[in-house]
Amino acid sequence: MTTPSAIPTDYGGLRFRSRLEAKWAVFFDLCGWSWDYEPLDLAGYIPDFVLHMRRPILVEVKPFFRNPTQTFWNSACNTTQWRGQ
């Protein structure tokens, strides 16, 4: 399975690496949450966002892709009616 290429997107005066990241920025704004985009470099890991709450929350945005293994496990859990106990 191939993943789609990211499409750089402008929002709020910033250039996001992908539309998905820009959509999350819109969501954070709609919620009234203060945030920064790619705020810091943690030894080579750059989180997508930091939300400024009582304590800072680092946010990493990833797309959701269904894969055959996940579908199999979801089906198996549903069939057996397992509820995580």
Protein backbone atom coordinates (compact mmCIF):
# COMPACT_ATOMS: atom_id res chain seq x y z
CA MET A 1 0.00 0.00 0.00
CA THR A 2 1.33 3.43 -0.90
CA THR A 3 0.68 6.54 1.10
CA PRO A 4 -0.33 9.75 -0.61
CA SER A 5 2.21 12.54 -0.84
CA ALA A 6 1.79 15.47 1.51
CA ILE A 7 0.50 18.70 -0.02
CA PRO A 8 2.00 21.82 1.55
CA THR A 9 -0.82 24.09 2.74
CA ASP A 10 -0.95 27.68 4.00
CA TYR A 11 -3.14 28.64 6.95
CA GLY A 12 -2.99 31.51 9.41
CA GLY A 13 0.20 32.90 7.93
CA LEU A 14 2.06 29.58 8.28
CA ARG A 15 3.10 26.99 5.72
CA PHE A 16 2.23 23.49 6.90
CA ARG A 17 3.90 20.43 5.44
CA SER A 18 0.50 18.82 4.76
CA ARG A 19 -3.20 19.56 4.49
CA LEU A 20 -3.78 17.26 7.44
CA GLU A 21 -1.58 19.39 9.70
CA ALA A 22 -3.34 22.55 8.50
CA LYS A 23 -6.72 20.96 9.25
CA TRP A 24 -5.60 20.21 12.79
CA ALA A 25 -4.47 23.83 13.18
CA VAL A 26 -7.97 24.93 12.12
CA PHE A 27 -9.47 22.51 14.66
CA PHE A 28 -7.25 23.83 17.46
CA ASP A 29 -8.29 27.39 16.55
CA LEU A 30 -11.98 26.44 16.54
CA CYS A 31 -11.50 24.97 20.02
CA GLY A 32 -9.84 28.20 21.14
CA TRP A 33 -6.63 26.38 22.04
CA SER A 34 -3.28 28.15 21.88
CA TRP A 35 -0.71 26.22 19.83
CA ASP A 36 2.61 26.46 18.03
CA TYR A 37 3.58 24.56 14.88
CA GLU A 38 6.82 22.55 14.86
CA PRO A 39 7.90 24.36 18.02
CA LEU A 40 11.10 22.59 18.96
CA ASP A 41 13.68 20.01 17.97
CA LEU A 42 14.03 17.20 20.51
CA ALA A 43 17.27 15.55 19.37
CA GLY A 44 16.01 15.05 15.82
CA TYR A 45 12.30 14.62 16.64
CA ILE A 46 10.20 17.66 15.81
CA PRO A 47 6.62 17.38 17.13
CA ASP A 48 3.99 18.82 14.82
CA PHE A 49 2.36 20.98 17.49
CA VAL A 50 2.55 22.00 21.09
CA LEU A 51 -0.77 22.85 22.73
CA HIS A 52 -0.45 25.41 25.51
CA MET A 53 -2.70 23.97 28.20
CA ARG A 54 -2.09 23.86 31.96
CA ARG A 55 0.89 21.78 30.92
CA PRO A 56 2.25 21.78 27.36
CA ILE A 57 1.01 18.87 25.23
CA LEU A 58 3.07 17.68 22.27
CA VAL A 59 0.96 16.56 19.31
CA GLU A 60 2.06 14.38 16.40
CA VAL A 61 -0.38 14.22 13.48
CA LYS A 62 -0.57 11.10 11.33
CA PRO A 63 -3.10 9.96 8.75
CA PHE A 64 -5.18 6.89 9.43
CA PHE A 65 -4.86 4.10 6.90
CA ARG A 66 -6.73 0.85 7.10
CA ASN A 67 -4.62 -2.16 6.53
CA PRO A 68 -5.52 -5.84 6.15
CA THR A 69 -4.00 -6.77 9.51
CA GLN A 70 -5.98 -4.13 11.37
CA THR A 71 -9.17 -5.16 9.58
CA PHE A 72 -8.53 -8.78 10.56
CA TRP A 73 -8.01 -7.93 14.24
CA ASN A 74 -11.04 -5.64 14.34
CA SER A 75 -13.14 -8.41 12.83
CA ALA A 76 -11.74 -11.00 15.25
CA CYS A 77 -12.52 -8.81 18.26
CA ASN A 78 -16.03 -8.11 17.01
CA THR A 79 -16.71 -11.78 16.24
CA THR A 80 -15.61 -12.94 19.69
CA GLN A 81 -17.29 -9.94 21.36
CA TRP A 82 -14.06 -9.28 23.29
CA ARG A 83 -14.36 -6.09 25.31
CA GLY A 84 -10.81 -5.75 26.60
CA GLN A 85 -11.28 -7.57 29.89
